[in-house]
Amino acid sequence: MDLLAPLIAYSVALSIAAVIPGPGVAGLVGQSLGNGLQVSLYFLAGIALGDVVYLTIAIAGLAAIAQLFSGALLAIKVLGGLYLVYLASKFWRNEAGLTHVRKAGSRRGLKTFLSGFALTLGNPKTIIFYLALLPTVIDLEAVGLSQWAALSVLTVAVLFVTLLPYALLASGARTMMTRAEALQKLNRLAGAIIGGAGVFILGQAATAVVRRA
């Protein structure tokens, strides 16, 4: 298929969908506020991988792929949600600012990455975009391996360009906080945002379980 026009249309549509605040933006801002920019990039990378997974599902055929991996995706959602809630509790209880959390953050890049991935898997905005809106932008039946690769790279690039400013702004606000009281409030704000994202994921997982029953 002709790549240029579909890639432009896809980039515009994905940029609009990504920049609208939602659970992914909330989780990213919370990570940047609490852990700083470097750790939040792991979270953003997890978000991007989740988008690539849904892109692949949409191209490969929703029914067969979704049924095959539904149990694994649900387990990832639950683990990611629980980790975000745990992380939120650490922020909320931290009374001495962000020093301890910053040191621990360098050791949990993989967990942060997986929490961003899990959040995307449970984000209804992402699901609607790839499984409902994407087919109106791109002829999925005409997408081959090379086109899928180009779309995957473009997905990661667009998400980093559109979402990185959120992380940068949150990180900038964090660096301006130097007093213990201000840092404690910032910890609790980050904890509330991250915890909300975690509860959202767990709620989505619970809903999926009830529907299966």
N, C-alpha and C. Protein backbone atom coordinates (compact mmCIF):
# COMPACT_ATOMS: atom_id res chain seq x y z
N MET A 1 0.84 -1.19 0.00
CA MET A 1 0.00 0.00 0.00
C MET A 1 0.88 1.25 0.00
N ASP A 2 0.29 2.35 -0.43
CA ASP A 2 1.00 3.62 -0.41
C ASP A 2 1.17 4.05 1.05
N LEU A 3 2.43 4.21 1.48
CA LEU A 3 2.69 4.42 2.91
C LEU A 3 2.52 5.86 3.38
N LEU A 4 2.90 6.83 2.56
CA LEU A 4 3.02 8.19 3.04
C LEU A 4 1.72 8.74 3.60
N ALA A 5 0.66 8.70 2.83
CA ALA A 5 -0.62 9.26 3.27
C ALA A 5 -1.15 8.56 4.53
N PRO A 6 -1.17 7.21 4.57
CA PRO A 6 -1.63 6.54 5.80
C PRO A 6 -0.76 6.86 7.02
N LEU A 7 0.56 6.98 6.82
CA LEU A 7 1.44 7.29 7.95
C LEU A 7 1.16 8.68 8.50
N ILE A 8 0.91 9.62 7.62
CA ILE A 8 0.59 10.99 8.06
C ILE A 8 -0.73 11.00 8.81
N ALA A 9 -1.73 10.32 8.24
CA ALA A 9 -3.04 10.26 8.89
C ALA A 9 -2.95 9.58 10.25
N TYR A 10 -2.18 8.51 10.31
CA TYR A 10 -2.00 7.77 11.56
C TYR A 10 -1.29 8.63 12.60
N SER A 11 -0.25 9.34 12.18
CA SER A 11 0.50 10.19 13.10
C SER A 11 -0.38 11.27 13.70
N VAL A 12 -1.18 11.91 12.88
CA VAL A 12 -2.07 12.97 13.36
C VAL A 12 -3.10 12.41 14.32
N ALA A 13 -3.72 11.29 13.94
CA ALA A 13 -4.75 10.70 14.79
C ALA A 13 -4.18 10.24 16.12
N LEU A 14 -3.01 9.59 16.09
CA LEU A 14 -2.40 9.11 17.33
C LEU A 14 -1.96 10.27 18.21
N SER A 15 -1.43 11.34 17.61
CA SER A 15 -1.01 12.51 18.39
C SER A 15 -2.19 13.12 19.13
N ILE A 16 -3.31 13.24 18.45
CA ILE A 16 -4.51 13.81 19.08
C ILE A 16 -4.98 12.92 20.22
N ALA A 17 -5.01 11.60 19.97
CA ALA A 17 -5.47 10.67 21.00
C ALA A 17 -4.53 10.66 22.20
N ALA A 18 -3.22 10.72 21.94
CA ALA A 18 -2.24 10.61 23.02
C ALA A 18 -2.18 11.85 23.90
N VAL A 19 -2.33 13.02 23.29
CA VAL A 19 -2.14 14.26 24.04
C VAL A 19 -3.32 14.56 24.96
N ILE A 20 -4.48 13.93 24.71
CA ILE A 20 -5.65 14.12 25.58
C ILE A 20 -5.36 13.45 26.92
N PRO A 21 -5.44 14.18 28.04
CA PRO A 21 -5.14 13.58 29.35
C PRO A 21 -6.03 12.38 29.65
N GLY A 22 -5.42 11.35 30.19
CA GLY A 22 -6.12 10.13 30.56
C GLY A 22 -5.29 9.38 31.58
N PRO A 23 -5.59 8.10 31.82
CA PRO A 23 -4.82 7.32 32.80
C PRO A 23 -3.33 7.27 32.49
N GLY A 24 -2.97 7.17 31.22
CA GLY A 24 -1.56 7.11 30.85
C GLY A 24 -0.83 8.39 31.20
N VAL A 25 -1.43 9.53 30.89
CA VAL A 25 -0.84 10.82 31.21
C VAL A 25 -0.74 10.99 32.73
N ALA A 26 -1.80 10.58 33.44
CA ALA A 26 -1.80 10.69 34.90
C ALA A 26 -0.67 9.87 35.51
N GLY A 27 -0.52 8.63 35.04
CA GLY A 27 0.55 7.78 35.56
C GLY A 27 1.92 8.34 35.25
N LEU A 28 2.08 8.88 34.06
CA LEU A 28 3.38 9.45 33.65
C LEU A 28 3.72 10.67 34.49
N VAL A 29 2.75 11.54 34.70
CA VAL A 29 2.98 12.73 35.53
C VAL A 29 3.32 12.32 36.96
N GLY A 30 2.59 11.33 37.49
CA GLY A 30 2.88 10.87 38.84
C GLY A 30 4.28 10.30 38.97
N GLN A 31 4.71 9.53 38.00
CA GLN A 31 6.07 8.98 38.03
C GLN A 31 7.11 10.09 37.96
N SER A 32 6.87 11.07 37.12
CA SER A 32 7.84 12.15 36.97
C SER A 32 7.91 13.01 38.22
N LEU A 33 6.75 13.26 38.83
CA LEU A 33 6.72 14.03 40.08
C LEU A 33 7.44 13.28 41.20
N GLY A 34 7.21 11.98 41.28
CA GLY A 34 7.75 11.23 42.40
C GLY A 34 9.16 10.72 42.20
N ASN A 35 9.47 10.24 40.99
CA ASN A 35 10.76 9.60 40.74
C ASN A 35 11.70 10.42 39.88
N GLY A 36 11.19 11.43 39.22
CA GLY A 36 12.04 12.22 38.34
C GLY A 36 11.92 11.78 36.89
N LEU A 37 12.56 12.54 36.03
CA LEU A 37 12.42 12.34 34.59
C LEU A 37 12.97 11.00 34.12
N GLN A 38 14.13 10.61 34.64
CA GLN A 38 14.78 9.39 34.15
C GLN A 38 13.91 8.16 34.33
N VAL A 39 13.34 8.00 35.54
CA VAL A 39 12.50 6.84 35.80
C VAL A 39 11.19 6.93 35.01
N SER A 40 10.66 8.15 34.85
CA SER A 40 9.41 8.29 34.10
C SER A 40 9.57 7.88 32.64
N LEU A 41 10.79 7.93 32.12
CA LEU A 41 11.02 7.49 30.75
C LEU A 41 10.81 5.98 30.60
N TYR A 42 11.12 5.22 31.65
CA TYR A 42 10.82 3.79 31.62
C TYR A 42 9.30 3.58 31.51
N PHE A 43 8.57 4.37 32.29
CA PHE A 43 7.11 4.29 32.27
C PHE A 43 6.58 4.62 30.88
N LEU A 44 7.13 5.67 30.28
CA LEU A 44 6.71 6.08 28.94
C LEU A 44 7.04 4.99 27.90
N ALA A 45 8.19 4.35 28.07
CA ALA A 45 8.54 3.25 27.16
C ALA A 45 7.56 2.09 27.29
N GLY A 46 7.10 1.83 28.52
CA GLY A 46 6.08 0.80 28.72
C GLY A 46 4.77 1.14 28.05
N ILE A 47 4.39 2.43 28.13
CA ILE A 47 3.19 2.89 27.44
C ILE A 47 3.32 2.65 25.94
N ALA A 48 4.48 3.00 25.40
CA ALA A 48 4.70 2.84 23.96
C ALA A 48 4.62 1.37 23.55
N LEU A 49 5.19 0.47 24.36
CA LEU A 49 5.12 -0.95 24.03
C LEU A 49 3.68 -1.43 24.04
N GLY A 50 2.89 -0.97 25.01
CA GLY A 50 1.49 -1.34 25.05
C GLY A 50 0.75 -0.92 23.80
N ASP A 51 1.06 0.28 23.31
CA ASP A 51 0.44 0.75 22.07
C ASP A 51 0.84 -0.12 20.89
N VAL A 52 2.10 -0.52 20.84
CA VAL A 52 2.56 -1.37 19.75
C VAL A 52 1.86 -2.73 19.80
N VAL A 53 1.62 -3.23 21.01
CA VAL A 53 0.90 -4.50 21.15
C VAL A 53 -0.50 -4.37 20.57
N TYR A 54 -1.21 -3.30 20.92
CA TYR A 54 -2.57 -3.12 20.40
C TYR A 54 -2.55 -2.88 18.88
N LEU A 55 -1.55 -2.17 18.41
CA LEU A 55 -1.40 -1.98 16.97
C LEU A 55 -1.25 -3.34 16.28
N THR A 56 -0.42 -4.20 16.85
CA THR A 56 -0.20 -5.53 16.29
C THR A 56 -1.47 -6.36 16.32
N ILE A 57 -2.21 -6.28 17.44
CA ILE A 57 -3.47 -7.01 17.56
C ILE A 57 -4.45 -6.56 16.48
N ALA A 58 -4.54 -5.26 16.28
CA ALA A 58 -5.47 -4.72 15.29
C ALA A 58 -5.11 -5.19 13.89
N ILE A 59 -3.81 -5.22 13.58
CA ILE A 59 -3.37 -5.62 12.24
C ILE A 59 -3.51 -7.13 12.05
N ALA A 60 -3.14 -7.90 13.08
CA ALA A 60 -3.15 -9.36 12.95
C ALA A 60 -4.56 -9.93 12.97
N GLY A 61 -5.50 -9.22 13.53
CA GLY A 61 -6.86 -9.73 13.63
C GLY A 61 -7.24 -9.85 15.09
N LEU A 62 -8.19 -9.06 15.51
CA LEU A 62 -8.54 -8.93 16.93
C LEU A 62 -9.01 -10.24 17.54
N ALA A 63 -9.93 -10.92 16.92
CA ALA A 63 -10.60 -12.03 17.58
C ALA A 63 -9.64 -13.13 18.01
N ALA A 64 -8.83 -13.63 17.06
CA ALA A 64 -7.95 -14.75 17.37
C ALA A 64 -6.88 -14.38 18.38
N ILE A 65 -6.23 -13.24 18.18
CA ILE A 65 -5.14 -12.82 19.07
C ILE A 65 -5.65 -12.49 20.46
N ALA A 66 -6.73 -11.75 20.54
CA ALA A 66 -7.27 -11.34 21.84
C ALA A 66 -7.70 -12.55 22.66
N GLN A 67 -8.31 -13.54 22.01
CA GLN A 67 -8.75 -14.72 22.73
C GLN A 67 -7.56 -15.55 23.22
N LEU A 68 -6.52 -15.61 22.40
CA LEU A 68 -5.35 -16.42 22.73
C LEU A 68 -4.59 -15.86 23.93
N PHE A 69 -4.46 -14.53 23.98
CA PHE A 69 -3.63 -13.90 25.02
C PHE A 69 -4.44 -13.16 26.09
N SER A 70 -5.75 -13.34 26.11
CA SER A 70 -6.57 -12.57 27.05
C SER A 70 -6.21 -12.85 28.51
N GLY A 71 -5.93 -14.12 28.82
CA GLY A 71 -5.57 -14.46 30.19
C GLY A 71 -4.26 -13.84 30.61
N ALA A 72 -3.26 -13.87 29.73
CA ALA A 72 -1.97 -13.28 30.04
C ALA A 72 -2.07 -11.77 30.19
N LEU A 73 -2.84 -11.12 29.32
CA LEU A 73 -3.00 -9.67 29.40
C LEU A 73 -3.70 -9.28 30.69
N LEU A 74 -4.67 -10.09 31.12
CA LEU A 74 -5.38 -9.79 32.37
C LEU A 74 -4.44 -9.91 33.56
N ALA A 75 -3.58 -10.93 33.55
CA ALA A 75 -2.62 -11.10 34.65
C ALA A 75 -1.64 -9.93 34.71
N ILE A 76 -1.20 -9.46 33.54
CA ILE A 76 -0.29 -8.31 33.49
C ILE A 76 -0.97 -7.06 34.03
N LYS A 77 -2.25 -6.88 33.69
CA LYS A 77 -3.00 -5.74 34.21
C LYS A 77 -3.03 -5.75 35.74
N VAL A 78 -3.35 -6.92 36.30
CA VAL A 78 -3.47 -7.02 37.76
C VAL A 78 -2.12 -6.74 38.43
N LEU A 79 -1.06 -7.35 37.93
CA LEU A 79 0.26 -7.13 38.52
C LEU A 79 0.69 -5.67 38.40
N GLY A 80 0.44 -5.07 37.25
CA GLY A 80 0.78 -3.66 37.07
C GLY A 80 -0.01 -2.76 37.99
N GLY A 81 -1.31 -3.04 38.13
CA GLY A 81 -2.13 -2.23 39.02
C GLY A 81 -1.70 -2.34 40.47
N LEU A 82 -1.39 -3.56 40.90
CA LEU A 82 -0.94 -3.76 42.28
C LEU A 82 0.38 -3.05 42.53
N TYR A 83 1.28 -3.08 41.55
CA TYR A 83 2.56 -2.40 41.73
C TYR A 83 2.37 -0.89 41.84
N LEU A 84 1.49 -0.32 41.04
CA LEU A 84 1.24 1.11 41.12
C LEU A 84 0.65 1.49 42.48
N VAL A 85 -0.27 0.68 42.99
CA VAL A 85 -0.84 0.95 44.31
C VAL A 85 0.23 0.86 45.39
N TYR A 86 1.09 -0.15 45.28
CA TYR A 86 2.21 -0.29 46.24
C TYR A 86 3.13 0.92 46.17
N LEU A 87 3.45 1.35 44.95
CA LEU A 87 4.33 2.50 44.77
C LEU A 87 3.68 3.76 45.34
N ALA A 88 2.38 3.90 45.14
CA ALA A 88 1.65 5.06 45.67
C ALA A 88 1.73 5.09 47.20
N SER A 89 1.62 3.92 47.83
CA SER A 89 1.68 3.87 49.29
C SER A 89 3.06 4.27 49.80
N LYS A 90 4.11 3.94 49.04
CA LYS A 90 5.47 4.34 49.43
C LYS A 90 5.62 5.85 49.37
N PHE A 91 5.11 6.45 48.31
CA PHE A 91 5.17 7.90 48.21
C PHE A 91 4.40 8.56 49.35
N TRP A 92 3.23 8.05 49.64
CA TRP A 92 2.36 8.68 50.64
C TRP A 92 2.98 8.63 52.03
N ARG A 93 3.68 7.53 52.34
CA ARG A 93 4.26 7.36 53.68
C ARG A 93 5.61 8.04 53.83
N ASN A 94 6.24 8.43 52.72
CA ASN A 94 7.58 9.01 52.78
C ASN A 94 7.51 10.42 53.36
N GLU A 95 8.18 10.66 54.50
CA GLU A 95 8.11 11.94 55.19
C GLU A 95 9.35 12.79 55.00
N ALA A 96 10.38 12.26 54.36
CA ALA A 96 11.66 12.98 54.29
C ALA A 96 12.00 13.44 52.88
N GLY A 97 11.00 13.64 52.09
CA GLY A 97 11.27 14.08 50.72
C GLY A 97 11.48 12.90 49.80
N LEU A 98 12.21 13.10 48.71
CA LEU A 98 12.31 12.12 47.65
C LEU A 98 13.65 11.42 47.58
N THR A 99 14.55 11.66 48.53
CA THR A 99 15.89 11.10 48.43
C THR A 99 15.87 9.58 48.43
N HIS A 100 15.14 9.02 49.39
CA HIS A 100 15.09 7.56 49.47
C HIS A 100 14.45 6.96 48.23
N VAL A 101 13.36 7.57 47.79
CA VAL A 101 12.65 7.05 46.63
C VAL A 101 13.52 7.15 45.39
N ARG A 102 14.29 8.24 45.26
CA ARG A 102 15.15 8.41 44.10
C ARG A 102 16.19 7.31 44.03
N LYS A 103 16.77 6.93 45.18
CA LYS A 103 17.77 5.88 45.20
C LYS A 103 17.15 4.54 44.82
N ALA A 104 15.95 4.29 45.33
CA ALA A 104 15.29 3.02 45.02
C ALA A 104 14.86 2.98 43.57
N GLY A 105 14.51 4.15 43.00
CA GLY A 105 13.98 4.20 41.65
C GLY A 105 14.94 3.66 40.62
N SER A 106 16.24 3.83 40.82
CA SER A 106 17.22 3.35 39.86
C SER A 106 17.25 1.84 39.78
N ARG A 107 16.69 1.16 40.81
CA ARG A 107 16.71 -0.30 40.83
C ARG A 107 15.41 -0.90 40.33
N ARG A 108 14.44 -0.09 39.97
CA ARG A 108 13.16 -0.65 39.59
C ARG A 108 12.70 -0.17 38.22
N GLY A 109 13.67 0.07 37.34
CA GLY A 109 13.30 0.50 36.00
C GLY A 109 12.39 -0.49 35.30
N LEU A 110 12.67 -1.80 35.45
CA LEU A 110 11.86 -2.82 34.78
C LEU A 110 10.43 -2.81 35.33
N LYS A 111 10.29 -2.68 36.64
CA LYS A 111 8.94 -2.65 37.23
C LYS A 111 8.18 -1.42 36.75
N THR A 112 8.87 -0.30 36.67
CA THR A 112 8.23 0.92 36.19
C THR A 112 7.81 0.76 34.74
N PHE A 113 8.67 0.15 33.95
CA PHE A 113 8.36 -0.12 32.54
C PHE A 113 7.12 -1.00 32.43
N LEU A 114 7.06 -2.07 33.23
CA LEU A 114 5.93 -2.99 33.17
C LEU A 114 4.64 -2.33 33.67
N SER A 115 4.76 -1.41 34.64
CA SER A 115 3.55 -0.74 35.11
C SER A 115 2.98 0.17 34.02
N GLY A 116 3.85 0.83 33.26
CA GLY A 116 3.39 1.64 32.13
C GLY A 116 2.75 0.77 31.06
N PHE A 117 3.34 -0.41 30.82
CA PHE A 117 2.80 -1.36 29.86
C PHE A 117 1.42 -1.84 30.29
N ALA A 118 1.30 -2.21 31.57
CA ALA A 118 0.03 -2.71 32.09
C ALA A 118 -1.05 -1.63 32.04
N LEU A 119 -0.66 -0.40 32.36
CA LEU A 119 -1.63 0.69 32.34
C LEU A 119 -2.20 0.87 30.93
N THR A 120 -1.36 0.77 29.93
CA THR A 120 -1.83 0.91 28.55
C THR A 120 -2.76 -0.23 28.16
N LEU A 121 -2.47 -1.44 28.60
CA LEU A 121 -3.32 -2.58 28.27
C LEU A 121 -4.72 -2.41 28.86
N GLY A 122 -4.83 -1.70 29.98
CA GLY A 122 -6.13 -1.50 30.59
C GLY A 122 -6.76 -0.17 30.31
N ASN A 123 -6.16 0.61 29.43
CA ASN A 123 -6.65 1.95 29.14
C ASN A 123 -7.71 1.90 28.04
N PRO A 124 -8.97 2.20 28.35
CA PRO A 124 -10.02 2.12 27.32
C PRO A 124 -9.79 3.07 26.16
N LYS A 125 -9.13 4.21 26.42
CA LYS A 125 -8.85 5.15 25.33
C LYS A 125 -7.95 4.50 24.29
N THR A 126 -6.96 3.74 24.76
CA THR A 126 -6.05 3.05 23.83
C THR A 126 -6.79 1.96 23.07
N ILE A 127 -7.62 1.21 23.78
CA ILE A 127 -8.36 0.12 23.14
C ILE A 127 -9.28 0.67 22.05
N ILE A 128 -10.00 1.73 22.37
CA ILE A 128 -10.93 2.32 21.40
C ILE A 128 -10.17 2.82 20.18
N PHE A 129 -9.03 3.46 20.41
CA PHE A 129 -8.28 4.01 19.28
C PHE A 129 -7.84 2.91 18.32
N TYR A 130 -7.20 1.87 18.85
CA TYR A 130 -6.61 0.87 17.96
C TYR A 130 -7.63 -0.11 17.39
N LEU A 131 -8.66 -0.41 18.15
CA LEU A 131 -9.59 -1.44 17.69
C LEU A 131 -10.85 -0.86 17.04
N ALA A 132 -11.08 0.42 17.19
CA ALA A 132 -12.27 1.03 16.59
C ALA A 132 -11.93 2.15 15.62
N LEU A 133 -11.02 3.04 16.01
CA LEU A 133 -10.71 4.19 15.16
C LEU A 133 -9.63 3.90 14.13
N LEU A 134 -8.65 3.07 14.48
CA LEU A 134 -7.54 2.80 13.56
C LEU A 134 -8.00 2.27 12.20
N PRO A 135 -8.96 1.34 12.17
CA PRO A 135 -9.41 0.83 10.86
C PRO A 135 -9.99 1.91 9.95
N THR A 136 -10.44 3.03 10.52
CA THR A 136 -10.97 4.11 9.69
C THR A 136 -9.85 4.98 9.11
N VAL A 137 -8.63 4.84 9.66
CA VAL A 137 -7.49 5.63 9.21
C VAL A 137 -6.61 4.85 8.24
N ILE A 138 -6.46 3.55 8.51
CA ILE A 138 -5.57 2.70 7.72
C ILE A 138 -6.32 1.45 7.27
N ASP A 139 -6.05 1.03 6.05
CA ASP A 139 -6.58 -0.24 5.55
C ASP A 139 -5.73 -1.36 6.14
N LEU A 140 -6.20 -1.94 7.24
CA LEU A 140 -5.40 -2.92 7.97
C LEU A 140 -5.13 -4.18 7.16
N GLU A 141 -6.00 -4.54 6.26
CA GLU A 141 -5.80 -5.74 5.46
C GLU A 141 -4.64 -5.58 4.48
N ALA A 142 -4.28 -4.33 4.19
CA ALA A 142 -3.19 -4.09 3.24
C ALA A 142 -1.84 -3.90 3.92
N VAL A 143 -1.81 -4.00 5.24
CA VAL A 143 -0.57 -3.79 5.99
C VAL A 143 0.27 -5.07 6.01
N GLY A 144 1.47 -4.98 5.46
CA GLY A 144 2.40 -6.11 5.49
C GLY A 144 3.42 -5.94 6.60
N LEU A 145 4.43 -6.80 6.61
CA LEU A 145 5.43 -6.78 7.68
C LEU A 145 6.20 -5.46 7.70
N SER A 146 6.61 -4.98 6.55
CA SER A 146 7.38 -3.74 6.50
C SER A 146 6.53 -2.54 6.93
N GLN A 147 5.25 -2.55 6.54
CA GLN A 147 4.37 -1.45 6.96
C GLN A 147 4.12 -1.50 8.47
N TRP A 148 3.98 -2.73 8.99
CA TRP A 148 3.80 -2.87 10.44
C TRP A 148 5.02 -2.33 11.18
N ALA A 149 6.20 -2.64 10.69
CA ALA A 149 7.44 -2.16 11.32
C ALA A 149 7.49 -0.64 11.30
N ALA A 150 7.13 -0.04 10.16
CA ALA A 150 7.14 1.42 10.05
C ALA A 150 6.12 2.03 11.01
N LEU A 151 4.94 1.44 11.09
CA LEU A 151 3.90 1.95 12.00
C LEU A 151 4.33 1.80 13.46
N SER A 152 5.01 0.72 13.79
CA SER A 152 5.46 0.50 15.17
C SER A 152 6.49 1.55 15.58
N VAL A 153 7.47 1.79 14.70
CA VAL A 153 8.48 2.82 14.98
C VAL A 153 7.82 4.19 15.09
N LEU A 154 6.89 4.45 14.21
CA LEU A 154 6.18 5.74 14.23
C LEU A 154 5.37 5.88 15.51
N THR A 155 4.77 4.80 15.97
CA THR A 155 3.98 4.83 17.21
C THR A 155 4.84 5.26 18.39
N VAL A 156 6.01 4.64 18.52
CA VAL A 156 6.91 4.97 19.63
C VAL A 156 7.35 6.43 19.52
N ALA A 157 7.70 6.88 18.32
CA ALA A 157 8.18 8.26 18.13
C ALA A 157 7.08 9.27 18.47
N VAL A 158 5.88 9.03 17.98
CA VAL A 158 4.77 9.96 18.23
C VAL A 158 4.45 10.04 19.72
N LEU A 159 4.43 8.90 20.40
CA LEU A 159 4.11 8.90 21.82
C LEU A 159 5.16 9.64 22.64
N PHE A 160 6.42 9.45 22.30
CA PHE A 160 7.47 10.16 23.04
C PHE A 160 7.39 11.66 22.78
N VAL A 161 7.12 12.05 21.55
CA VAL A 161 7.04 13.47 21.23
C VAL A 161 5.84 14.13 21.92
N THR A 162 4.71 13.45 21.96
CA THR A 162 3.50 14.05 22.52
C THR A 162 3.42 13.96 24.05
N LEU A 163 3.98 12.90 24.63
CA LEU A 163 3.85 12.70 26.07
C LEU A 163 5.05 13.19 26.88
N LEU A 164 6.21 13.27 26.25
CA LEU A 164 7.39 13.72 26.98
C LEU A 164 7.22 15.10 27.61
N PRO A 165 6.55 16.06 26.95
CA PRO A 165 6.36 17.36 27.61
C PRO A 165 5.65 17.27 28.95
N TYR A 166 4.71 16.33 29.11
CA TYR A 166 4.06 16.15 30.40
C TYR A 166 5.09 15.77 31.47
N ALA A 167 5.96 14.82 31.12
CA ALA A 167 6.98 14.38 32.06
C ALA A 167 7.97 15.50 32.37
N LEU A 168 8.34 16.28 31.36
CA LEU A 168 9.28 17.38 31.56
C LEU A 168 8.69 18.45 32.48
N LEU A 169 7.44 18.79 32.28
CA LEU A 169 6.80 19.80 33.13
C LEU A 169 6.69 19.32 34.57
N ALA A 170 6.31 18.06 34.75
CA ALA A 170 6.21 17.52 36.10
C ALA A 170 7.57 17.45 36.77
N SER A 171 8.58 17.04 36.00
CA SER A 171 9.93 16.98 36.55
C SER A 171 10.44 18.36 36.92
N GLY A 172 10.10 19.37 36.09
CA GLY A 172 10.49 20.74 36.41
C GLY A 172 9.87 21.23 37.69
N ALA A 173 8.59 20.90 37.89
CA ALA A 173 7.92 21.29 39.13
C ALA A 173 8.56 20.60 40.33
N ARG A 174 8.99 19.36 40.14
CA ARG A 174 9.61 18.60 41.21
C ARG A 174 10.94 19.22 41.63
N THR A 175 11.74 19.64 40.67
CA THR A 175 13.06 20.18 41.00
C THR A 175 12.98 21.52 41.72
N MET A 176 11.86 22.21 41.60
CA MET A 176 11.70 23.49 42.28
C MET A 176 11.34 23.32 43.75
N MET A 177 10.95 22.11 44.14
CA MET A 177 10.57 21.84 45.52
C MET A 177 11.81 21.46 46.31
N THR A 178 12.18 22.28 47.28
CA THR A 178 13.38 21.98 48.07
C THR A 178 13.08 21.83 49.56
N ARG A 179 12.01 22.43 50.06
CA ARG A 179 11.69 22.32 51.49
C ARG A 179 11.05 20.97 51.78
N ALA A 180 11.28 20.47 53.01
CA ALA A 180 10.75 19.16 53.40
C ALA A 180 9.22 19.12 53.30
N GLU A 181 8.55 20.19 53.73
CA GLU A 181 7.09 20.21 53.69
C GLU A 181 6.59 20.15 52.24
N ALA A 182 7.25 20.91 51.37
CA ALA A 182 6.84 20.92 49.97
C ALA A 182 7.07 19.55 49.34
N LEU A 183 8.19 18.91 49.68
CA LEU A 183 8.49 17.60 49.14
C LEU A 183 7.49 16.55 49.63
N GLN A 184 7.07 16.69 50.89
CA GLN A 184 6.08 15.75 51.41
C GLN A 184 4.75 15.89 50.67
N LYS A 185 4.35 17.13 50.41
CA LYS A 185 3.11 17.34 49.66
C LYS A 185 3.25 16.81 48.24
N LEU A 186 4.43 17.00 47.65
CA LEU A 186 4.66 16.51 46.30
C LEU A 186 4.62 14.98 46.26
N ASN A 187 5.20 14.35 47.30
CA ASN A 187 5.14 12.90 47.41
C ASN A 187 3.70 12.42 47.41
N ARG A 188 2.88 13.08 48.22
CA ARG A 188 1.50 12.64 48.36
C ARG A 188 0.69 12.92 47.10
N LEU A 189 1.01 14.00 46.40
CA LEU A 189 0.35 14.26 45.13
C LEU A 189 0.72 13.17 44.12
N ALA A 190 2.01 12.85 44.05
CA ALA A 190 2.45 11.78 43.15
C ALA A 190 1.80 10.45 43.52
N GLY A 191 1.75 10.18 44.84
CA GLY A 191 1.12 8.94 45.30
C GLY A 191 -0.34 8.87 44.93
N ALA A 192 -1.05 9.98 45.07
CA ALA A 192 -2.47 9.99 44.73
C ALA A 192 -2.69 9.76 43.24
N ILE A 193 -1.86 10.38 42.41
CA ILE A 193 -2.00 10.22 40.96
C ILE A 193 -1.68 8.79 40.54
N ILE A 194 -0.56 8.26 41.03
CA ILE A 194 -0.16 6.91 40.67
C ILE A 194 -1.15 5.88 41.24
N GLY A 195 -1.58 6.10 42.49
CA GLY A 195 -2.55 5.19 43.09
C GLY A 195 -3.86 5.18 42.32
N GLY A 196 -4.29 6.35 41.86
CA GLY A 196 -5.51 6.42 41.07
C GLY A 196 -5.39 5.61 39.79
N ALA A 197 -4.23 5.71 39.15
CA ALA A 197 -4.01 4.92 37.93
C ALA A 197 -4.01 3.43 38.24
N GLY A 198 -3.41 3.04 39.37
CA GLY A 198 -3.40 1.64 39.75
C GLY A 198 -4.79 1.10 40.05
N VAL A 199 -5.59 1.88 40.78
CA VAL A 199 -6.96 1.48 41.08
C VAL A 199 -7.78 1.35 39.79
N PHE A 200 -7.52 2.25 38.85
CA PHE A 200 -8.22 2.18 37.57
C PHE A 200 -7.92 0.86 36.86
N ILE A 201 -6.65 0.46 36.83
CA ILE A 201 -6.28 -0.80 36.18
C ILE A 201 -6.96 -1.97 36.87
N LEU A 202 -6.92 -1.99 38.21
CA LEU A 202 -7.54 -3.10 38.94
C LEU A 202 -9.04 -3.14 38.72
N GLY A 203 -9.67 -1.97 38.60
CA GLY A 203 -11.10 -1.92 38.32
C GLY A 203 -11.41 -2.50 36.95
N GLN A 204 -10.57 -2.17 35.96
CA GLN A 204 -10.76 -2.73 34.64
C GLN A 204 -10.58 -4.25 34.65
N ALA A 205 -9.59 -4.74 35.40
CA ALA A 205 -9.37 -6.18 35.50
C ALA A 205 -10.56 -6.87 36.18
N ALA A 206 -11.07 -6.27 37.25
CA ALA A 206 -12.22 -6.84 37.95
C ALA A 206 -13.44 -6.91 37.03
N THR A 207 -13.64 -5.86 36.25
CA THR A 207 -14.76 -5.83 35.31
C THR A 207 -14.62 -6.95 34.28
N ALA A 208 -13.40 -7.17 33.80
CA ALA A 208 -13.17 -8.24 32.82
C ALA A 208 -13.47 -9.61 33.42
N VAL A 209 -13.08 -9.81 34.69
CA VAL A 209 -13.35 -11.09 35.36
C VAL A 209 -14.83 -11.32 35.53
N VAL A 210 -15.56 -10.28 35.93
CA VAL A 210 -17.02 -10.39 36.12
C VAL A 210 -17.70 -10.74 34.80
N ARG A 211 -17.24 -10.12 33.73
CA ARG A 211 -17.86 -10.39 32.41
C ARG A 211 -17.62 -11.84 31.97
N ARG A 212 -16.46 -12.39 32.38
CA ARG A 212 -16.17 -13.78 32.01
C ARG A 212 -17.00 -14.76 32.78
N ALA A 213 -17.34 -14.37 34.02
CA ALA A 213 -18.07 -15.30 34.91
C ALA A 213 -19.48 -15.60 34.41
